Every structure is written in structure tokens, then in C-alpha cells.
Amino acid sequence: MTICPCCGFRFEGDLRTGCEGCGARAVGEPLPKPEHELPAYGRPLLLVVTGMLMVLAFFAQTVAALIKDGAPSLNFWSWVAAAETAAWRVKWISIPVTFVVLWGGRRVYRSMMQVPARFVGMKMARRALVTSAFVSFLIATLIGITVPDRLRQRQFSIEATTDAQIHTYERARLEYQALHGTVPANPRDLLELADPDGSIAAAVNEIDPAFYKTSGANMAEVSPKPRTLSGAALRNTSMGSATEESPAQEFSLTTYEFRLPGEDKIYGTDDDVIVRDGVRYTVSEAKAAPIPARAPRRVGKR
């Protein structure tokens, strides 16, 4: 195979007979090869530098994670935890970088193996390539070990957000019930309460009134039976307080229930959260075991 130095055309033959592409011919005999050729070190040095940079970068991230956690401890498990944190932090950078390093390093090393006599430091280049592969495998392993714990933490965060919303609503409901002697018939009734930080409004806005239910009790049924009065007391009671009781005071809302969307933010799925009287359930739990109904209780102003 001959490559024309004028046009770059490749052909089988000799330039003395002319290039098949442009017709150029050699003006003389080709120069002889030198007796001694210095070996090249550029490609081996590239692999060595790449391997060292990967090791130093990951080690620096591990030390930074170890120091950030507080007083650094030099025991084995502290280093493992710091390495897991470092691997998780650089996951979006390390994954593409390791792929490029391993793919490019393997191609460079294969090109060197075709003519190993032309290069110096083959052993160092091979060790650097193995080191790069080991660091890549270590980062991938640490990320894989960390994934289950990160998923649990994410789930705890979601549940904590929902619990904070439920606790805020329950606190506002207690304040409302202390003022009016009944739970709110609509969650937006809680907006009349003082809300300096906006937490009540944020909790109420997350509740769909279509999934809000209340139930009550007849105060005459749940209240103790009155004692029989006689004489003047009976006459005074029948004359003075016959019209004091209003229908609104004879019936009071005592229980409530509402639903919050789950992680998918869609109502009507099994991960929805059901809140009944401050107790949290999921739809799947409610299907497995029905939610117990609470007995009516007397609620009113003292």
C-alpha cells in the first residue's frame, strides 16, 4: 500500500511509476530508514497521567467528604462512608469520564501493542490502564451500594413532607375546634386563623375539598341525661331556656377525613394517603385492614 504525499491517494504500486490519483512521480529513491530510532513516550505518558488524575481526584473527594462530616476519623468504616459520599457526589461526572477514559485508553494501548518496540514505558502504561479501570469499578460499586440507602432517604423525605402537612392541619384544626366547638366543615375554613408564616394556607391548599369528609354527633344523644327538675326550678327552666338552644348547638362535627395524593401526585391510586382524625393511613393499608371508626365524642365550648 502506497500513499501519495501530494494528494493522499492510496494505491498498490510504486511512486516511481506515478500516482494513480494525481499522476505525481517520485523524483528519486526513498530515503533509507535511520539506524537508530528513539522510542516514543507520548502515548504511555498519556495513560499514566490519566490514571494518576483519576486516583487523585477520587482521593481528594473522599478526603473532603471525610472532613466535612466533622472531626475526621481514620478508621476503616469512616473511609468507606466518605468514599460512598464522594462517589455519589461525582456520579454524573465520573460515569461519562470513566467511560471515555477506559474506551480511549484501551484504543491507545492496543495501538501501542501493535509495535511495542517503538514505545517506552509499556509496563507503566499497562499499570495505569489497570488503575483507571479499578477506580472506575470502585466508583461504580460504591454508587451501587449507596443507591438503596438513598432511595430510603428519599422515601423518608417524602413521608416527612406529608407528615409535616398533616401536623400543620391538625394544629390548625385544634385551634379552630377550640374556637367554634366543631371541626371545620370545609378545610378552607381554617384560613380564618392567624397564619403569620403561611404554613396553614400551604397545608390547606394541598387538600382537595372533594376528598374531604366530616361526620358529627347529636349533642342530645351523646350528652348525659339531664336530671328531673321539680317545682320552681322546672318552671324557670321551661320559661327561661326553652329557646336558648339553637339547632347548630344540637349537632356538632366531631370527625374528619381527607385524602392526599401520594408520590405520583395523582388522586385515586394505591399510594394515596388517608388522614382520619389525625391518624395517617395509605390506601393499600386501608384495603388490607379497614380503618377503625372512632366513636362519637362530645365537643363543645366549656
Protein backbone atom coordinates (compact mmCIF):
# COMPACT_ATOMS: atom_id res chain seq x y z
CA MET A 1 0.00 0.00 0.00
CA THR A 2 1.46 3.35 -1.08
CA ILE A 3 0.16 6.77 -0.02
CA CYS A 4 0.79 9.67 -2.35
CA PRO A 5 2.39 12.62 -0.43
CA CYS A 6 0.77 15.07 -2.86
CA CYS A 7 -2.90 14.08 -2.82
CA GLY A 8 -3.07 11.37 -0.17
CA PHE A 9 -4.44 8.77 -2.59
CA ARG A 10 -3.79 5.18 -1.59
CA PHE A 11 -2.90 2.65 -4.24
CA GLU A 12 -0.94 -0.51 -4.83
CA GLY A 13 2.28 0.22 -6.62
CA ASP A 14 5.32 2.49 -6.62
CA LEU A 15 5.51 6.25 -6.86
CA ARG A 16 8.25 5.86 -9.47
CA THR A 17 5.56 4.76 -11.91
CA GLY A 18 3.26 7.65 -10.92
CA CYS A 19 0.32 8.17 -8.56
CA GLU A 20 -2.95 6.76 -9.82
CA GLY A 21 -4.81 9.71 -8.34
CA CYS A 22 -2.87 12.80 -9.39
CA GLY A 23 -0.09 11.38 -11.56
CA ALA A 24 2.75 12.66 -9.36
CA ARG A 25 6.01 10.71 -9.56
CA ALA A 26 8.92 10.23 -7.23
CA VAL A 27 11.99 12.30 -8.08
CA GLY A 28 14.41 9.83 -6.53
CA GLU A 29 14.90 6.81 -4.42
CA PRO A 30 13.18 6.82 -0.96
CA LEU A 31 15.38 7.82 1.95
CA PRO A 32 16.76 4.93 3.99
CA LYS A 33 15.48 4.35 7.49
CA PRO A 34 17.75 5.62 10.27
CA GLU A 35 19.88 3.05 12.03
CA HIS A 36 18.66 4.13 15.47
CA GLU A 37 15.15 5.39 16.30
CA LEU A 38 14.32 6.81 19.71
CA PRO A 39 11.26 5.16 21.29
CA ALA A 40 8.18 7.30 21.71
CA TYR A 41 6.77 8.06 25.15
CA GLY A 42 3.78 10.28 24.38
CA ARG A 43 1.08 7.59 24.45
CA PRO A 44 2.36 5.79 27.55
CA LEU A 45 2.65 9.14 29.32
CA LEU A 46 -0.95 9.95 28.39
CA LEU A 47 -2.18 6.74 30.03
CA VAL A 48 -0.06 7.30 33.13
CA VAL A 49 -1.25 10.88 33.60
CA THR A 50 -4.89 9.87 33.08
CA GLY A 51 -4.67 7.11 35.69
CA MET A 52 -2.98 9.38 38.21
CA LEU A 53 -5.57 12.13 37.74
CA MET A 54 -8.44 9.70 38.34
CA VAL A 55 -6.84 8.40 41.54
CA LEU A 56 -6.02 11.87 42.87
CA ALA A 57 -9.44 13.29 42.02
CA PHE A 58 -11.33 10.49 43.78
CA PHE A 59 -8.97 10.58 46.77
CA ALA A 60 -9.43 14.36 47.11
CA GLN A 61 -13.21 13.99 47.03
CA THR A 62 -13.04 11.27 49.69
CA VAL A 63 -10.87 13.39 52.00
CA ALA A 64 -13.21 16.37 51.50
CA ALA A 65 -16.22 14.23 52.44
CA LEU A 66 -14.35 12.89 55.47
CA ILE A 67 -13.51 16.39 56.72
CA LYS A 68 -16.97 17.80 56.02
CA ASP A 69 -18.65 15.23 58.29
CA GLY A 70 -16.91 16.76 61.32
CA ALA A 71 -13.88 15.57 63.23
CA PRO A 72 -12.18 13.19 60.78
CA SER A 73 -11.83 9.61 61.96
CA LEU A 74 -9.20 7.38 60.41
CA ASN A 75 -10.90 4.03 60.98
CA PHE A 76 -11.78 1.82 58.03
CA TRP A 77 -15.56 2.32 58.03
CA SER A 78 -15.21 6.10 58.17
CA TRP A 79 -13.17 5.95 54.99
CA VAL A 80 -15.75 3.66 53.38
CA ALA A 81 -18.58 6.04 54.27
CA ALA A 82 -16.60 9.02 52.96
CA ALA A 83 -15.83 7.14 49.73
CA GLU A 84 -19.54 6.35 49.27
CA THR A 85 -20.40 10.02 49.74
CA ALA A 86 -17.68 11.08 47.30
CA ALA A 87 -18.80 8.56 44.69
CA TRP A 88 -22.41 9.73 44.97
CA ARG A 89 -21.43 13.38 44.63
CA VAL A 90 -19.41 12.89 41.44
CA LYS A 91 -21.66 10.23 39.88
CA TRP A 92 -22.88 12.41 36.99
CA ILE A 93 -19.31 13.45 36.17
CA SER A 94 -17.50 10.19 36.89
CA ILE A 95 -19.75 7.95 34.80
CA PRO A 96 -19.10 9.67 31.42
CA VAL A 97 -15.46 10.41 32.33
CA THR A 98 -14.67 6.79 33.21
CA PHE A 99 -16.34 5.60 30.02
CA VAL A 100 -14.24 7.96 27.88
CA VAL A 101 -11.04 7.12 29.79
CA LEU A 102 -11.48 3.36 29.52
CA TRP A 103 -12.57 3.42 25.89
CA GLY A 104 -9.84 5.84 24.80
CA GLY A 105 -7.16 4.21 26.96
CA ARG A 106 -7.92 0.79 25.55
CA ARG A 107 -7.61 2.07 21.97
CA VAL A 108 -4.31 3.80 22.75
CA TYR A 109 -2.91 0.72 24.43
CA ARG A 110 -3.94 -1.54 21.52
CA SER A 111 -2.19 0.79 19.08
CA MET A 112 0.95 0.56 21.21
CA MET A 113 0.81 -3.23 21.34
CA GLN A 114 0.98 -3.43 17.53
CA VAL A 115 4.55 -2.08 17.58
CA PRO A 116 5.70 -2.25 21.23
CA ALA A 117 9.34 -1.72 20.28
CA ARG A 118 8.55 1.86 19.23
CA PHE A 119 7.33 2.88 22.70
CA VAL A 120 8.95 3.18 26.11
CA GLY A 121 7.19 2.56 29.44
CA MET A 122 4.84 -0.17 28.31
CA LYS A 123 4.62 -1.62 31.82
CA MET A 124 3.77 1.75 33.33
CA ALA A 125 1.12 2.33 30.66
CA ARG A 126 -0.42 -1.08 31.36
CA ARG A 127 -0.47 -0.43 35.11
CA ALA A 128 -2.02 3.00 34.58
CA LEU A 129 -4.76 1.49 32.44
CA VAL A 130 -5.46 -1.16 35.09
CA THR A 131 -5.56 1.58 37.77
CA SER A 132 -8.07 3.59 35.75
CA ALA A 133 -10.25 0.52 35.37
CA PHE A 134 -10.00 -0.22 39.10
CA VAL A 135 -11.01 3.33 40.08
CA SER A 136 -13.94 3.18 37.66
CA PHE A 137 -15.06 -0.16 39.10
CA LEU A 138 -14.66 1.17 42.66
CA ILE A 139 -16.79 4.24 41.94
CA ALA A 140 -19.49 2.14 40.27
CA THR A 141 -19.52 -0.31 43.20
CA LEU A 142 -19.79 2.45 45.81
CA ILE A 143 -22.63 4.11 43.88
CA GLY A 144 -24.44 0.77 43.68
CA ILE A 145 -24.05 0.23 47.43
CA THR A 146 -25.36 3.73 48.13
CA VAL A 147 -28.47 3.53 45.91
CA PRO A 148 -30.73 1.57 48.36
CA ASP A 149 -29.91 3.93 51.22
CA ARG A 150 -30.50 6.97 49.01
CA LEU A 151 -33.87 5.58 47.96
CA ARG A 152 -34.82 5.06 51.61
CA GLN A 153 -33.76 8.60 52.44
CA ARG A 154 -35.82 9.91 49.53
CA GLN A 155 -38.86 7.97 50.78
CA PHE A 156 -38.32 9.30 54.31
CA SER A 157 -38.15 12.82 52.91
CA ILE A 158 -41.44 12.38 51.05
CA GLU A 159 -43.14 10.94 54.15
CA ALA A 160 -41.72 13.70 56.34
CA THR A 161 -43.13 16.34 53.98
CA THR A 162 -46.57 14.72 54.12
CA ASP A 163 -46.39 14.32 57.92
CA ALA A 164 -45.47 18.00 58.31
CA GLN A 165 -48.52 18.95 56.27
CA ILE A 166 -50.75 16.66 58.35
CA HIS A 167 -49.37 18.02 61.63
CA THR A 168 -49.90 21.60 60.45
CA TYR A 169 -53.51 20.84 59.55
CA GLU A 170 -54.07 19.05 62.87
CA ARG A 171 -52.67 22.02 64.80
CA ALA A 172 -54.92 24.42 62.90
CA ARG A 173 -57.88 22.10 63.37
CA LEU A 174 -57.39 22.08 67.14
CA GLU A 175 -57.28 25.88 67.20
CA TYR A 176 -60.44 26.08 65.09
CA GLN A 177 -62.22 23.49 67.22
CA ALA A 178 -61.30 25.36 70.40
CA LEU A 179 -62.91 28.49 68.95
CA HIS A 180 -66.04 27.01 67.35
CA GLY A 181 -66.53 23.71 69.16
CA THR A 182 -66.55 21.72 65.89
CA VAL A 183 -64.17 20.59 63.22
CA PRO A 184 -64.24 22.67 60.03
CA ALA A 185 -66.88 21.65 57.52
CA ASN A 186 -64.52 22.75 54.75
CA PRO A 187 -60.72 22.80 55.00
CA ARG A 188 -60.67 26.40 53.75
CA ASP A 189 -62.47 27.45 56.92
CA LEU A 190 -59.07 27.22 58.61
CA LEU A 191 -57.87 30.23 56.64
CA GLU A 192 -59.64 32.49 59.12
CA LEU A 193 -56.99 31.58 61.72
CA ALA A 194 -53.84 33.61 62.22
CA ASP A 195 -51.19 32.34 59.83
CA PRO A 196 -48.06 34.51 60.04
CA ASP A 197 -45.74 32.05 58.26
CA GLY A 198 -48.26 30.84 55.67
CA SER A 199 -47.97 27.19 56.75
CA ILE A 200 -51.71 26.75 57.30
CA ALA A 201 -52.52 28.15 53.85
CA ALA A 202 -49.92 25.86 52.26
CA ALA A 203 -51.39 22.81 54.04
CA VAL A 204 -54.99 23.72 53.18
CA ASN A 205 -54.21 24.34 49.52
CA GLU A 206 -52.93 20.78 49.19
CA ILE A 207 -56.29 19.32 50.29
CA ASP A 208 -58.94 18.76 47.64
CA PRO A 209 -62.38 19.58 49.12
CA ALA A 210 -63.86 16.78 47.02
CA PHE A 211 -61.95 14.28 49.17
CA TYR A 212 -62.77 15.97 52.49
CA LYS A 213 -65.44 14.31 54.64
CA THR A 214 -66.84 15.11 58.06
CA SER A 215 -69.26 13.43 60.38
CA GLY A 216 -70.91 14.55 63.62
CA ALA A 217 -72.96 13.55 66.59
CA ASN A 218 -76.26 14.70 68.02
CA MET A 219 -75.32 16.52 71.20
CA ALA A 220 -78.57 15.46 72.83
CA GLU A 221 -77.68 11.82 72.27
CA VAL A 222 -74.07 11.95 73.40
CA SER A 223 -74.67 14.34 76.33
CA PRO A 224 -75.53 12.94 79.77
CA LYS A 225 -79.25 12.74 80.53
CA PRO A 226 -80.45 15.78 82.48
CA ARG A 227 -81.78 15.29 85.97
CA THR A 228 -85.51 15.71 86.55
CA LEU A 229 -86.35 19.13 87.90
CA SER A 230 -89.31 19.94 90.06
CA GLY A 231 -91.17 22.97 91.34
CA ALA A 232 -89.78 26.43 90.65
CA ALA A 233 -86.66 25.07 89.06
CA LEU A 234 -88.78 23.24 86.46
CA ARG A 235 -90.83 26.35 85.76
CA ASN A 236 -87.75 28.59 85.46
CA THR A 237 -86.03 26.18 83.14
CA SER A 238 -89.07 25.78 80.86
CA MET A 239 -89.63 29.54 80.69
CA GLY A 240 -86.09 30.92 80.52
CA SER A 241 -84.05 28.47 78.45
CA ALA A 242 -86.51 26.89 76.11
CA THR A 243 -85.28 28.96 73.19
CA GLU A 244 -81.58 29.26 74.10
CA GLU A 245 -80.54 26.05 72.37
CA SER A 246 -80.20 26.50 68.63
CA PRO A 247 -80.09 23.71 66.04
CA ALA A 248 -76.44 24.45 65.38
CA GLN A 249 -75.58 23.66 69.00
CA GLU A 250 -77.51 20.40 69.00
CA PHE A 251 -75.33 18.90 66.25
CA SER A 252 -71.53 19.18 66.11
CA LEU A 253 -68.96 17.83 63.65
CA THR A 254 -66.56 15.62 65.57
CA THR A 255 -64.59 13.59 63.00
CA TYR A 256 -62.97 14.37 59.70
CA GLU A 257 -61.23 12.55 56.90
CA PHE A 258 -59.35 13.73 53.84
CA ARG A 259 -57.06 12.30 51.23
CA LEU A 260 -53.68 13.46 49.94
CA PRO A 261 -52.05 12.30 46.70
CA GLY A 262 -49.05 10.03 47.03
CA GLU A 263 -45.67 10.25 45.38
CA ASP A 264 -47.22 10.24 41.91
CA LYS A 265 -49.31 13.35 42.79
CA ILE A 266 -52.40 11.67 41.30
CA TYR A 267 -55.58 11.05 43.26
CA GLY A 268 -57.20 7.62 43.18
CA THR A 269 -54.09 5.43 43.31
CA ASP A 270 -52.92 2.99 45.97
CA ASP A 271 -50.22 5.32 47.26
CA ASP A 272 -52.74 7.98 48.30
CA VAL A 273 -52.62 8.96 51.97
CA ILE A 274 -55.84 8.89 54.00
CA VAL A 275 -55.92 11.05 57.14
CA ARG A 276 -58.69 10.34 59.62
CA ASP A 277 -58.75 12.34 62.85
CA GLY A 278 -55.01 12.98 62.66
CA VAL A 279 -54.09 9.33 62.01
CA ARG A 280 -52.35 8.57 58.74
CA TYR A 281 -53.10 5.55 56.55
CA THR A 282 -52.39 4.57 52.98
CA VAL A 283 -54.98 3.24 50.58
CA SER A 284 -53.17 -0.10 50.43
CA GLU A 285 -53.24 -0.34 54.24
CA ALA A 286 -56.92 0.56 54.30
CA LYS A 287 -57.65 -2.21 51.79
CA ALA A 288 -55.72 -4.77 53.82
CA ALA A 289 -57.33 -3.76 57.13
CA PRO A 290 -60.35 -1.43 57.31
CA ILE A 291 -59.75 1.81 59.17
CA PRO A 292 -61.44 1.62 62.59
CA ALA A 293 -64.23 4.12 63.10
CA ARG A 294 -63.94 6.31 66.16
CA ALA A 295 -66.90 6.58 68.47
CA PRO A 296 -68.63 9.98 68.60
CA ARG A 297 -67.45 12.29 71.33
CA ARG A 298 -68.85 15.44 72.77
CA VAL A 299 -67.07 18.52 71.52
CA GLY A 300 -68.06 21.98 72.60
CA LYS A 301 -67.07 25.10 74.39
CA ARG A 302 -66.65 24.84 78.10
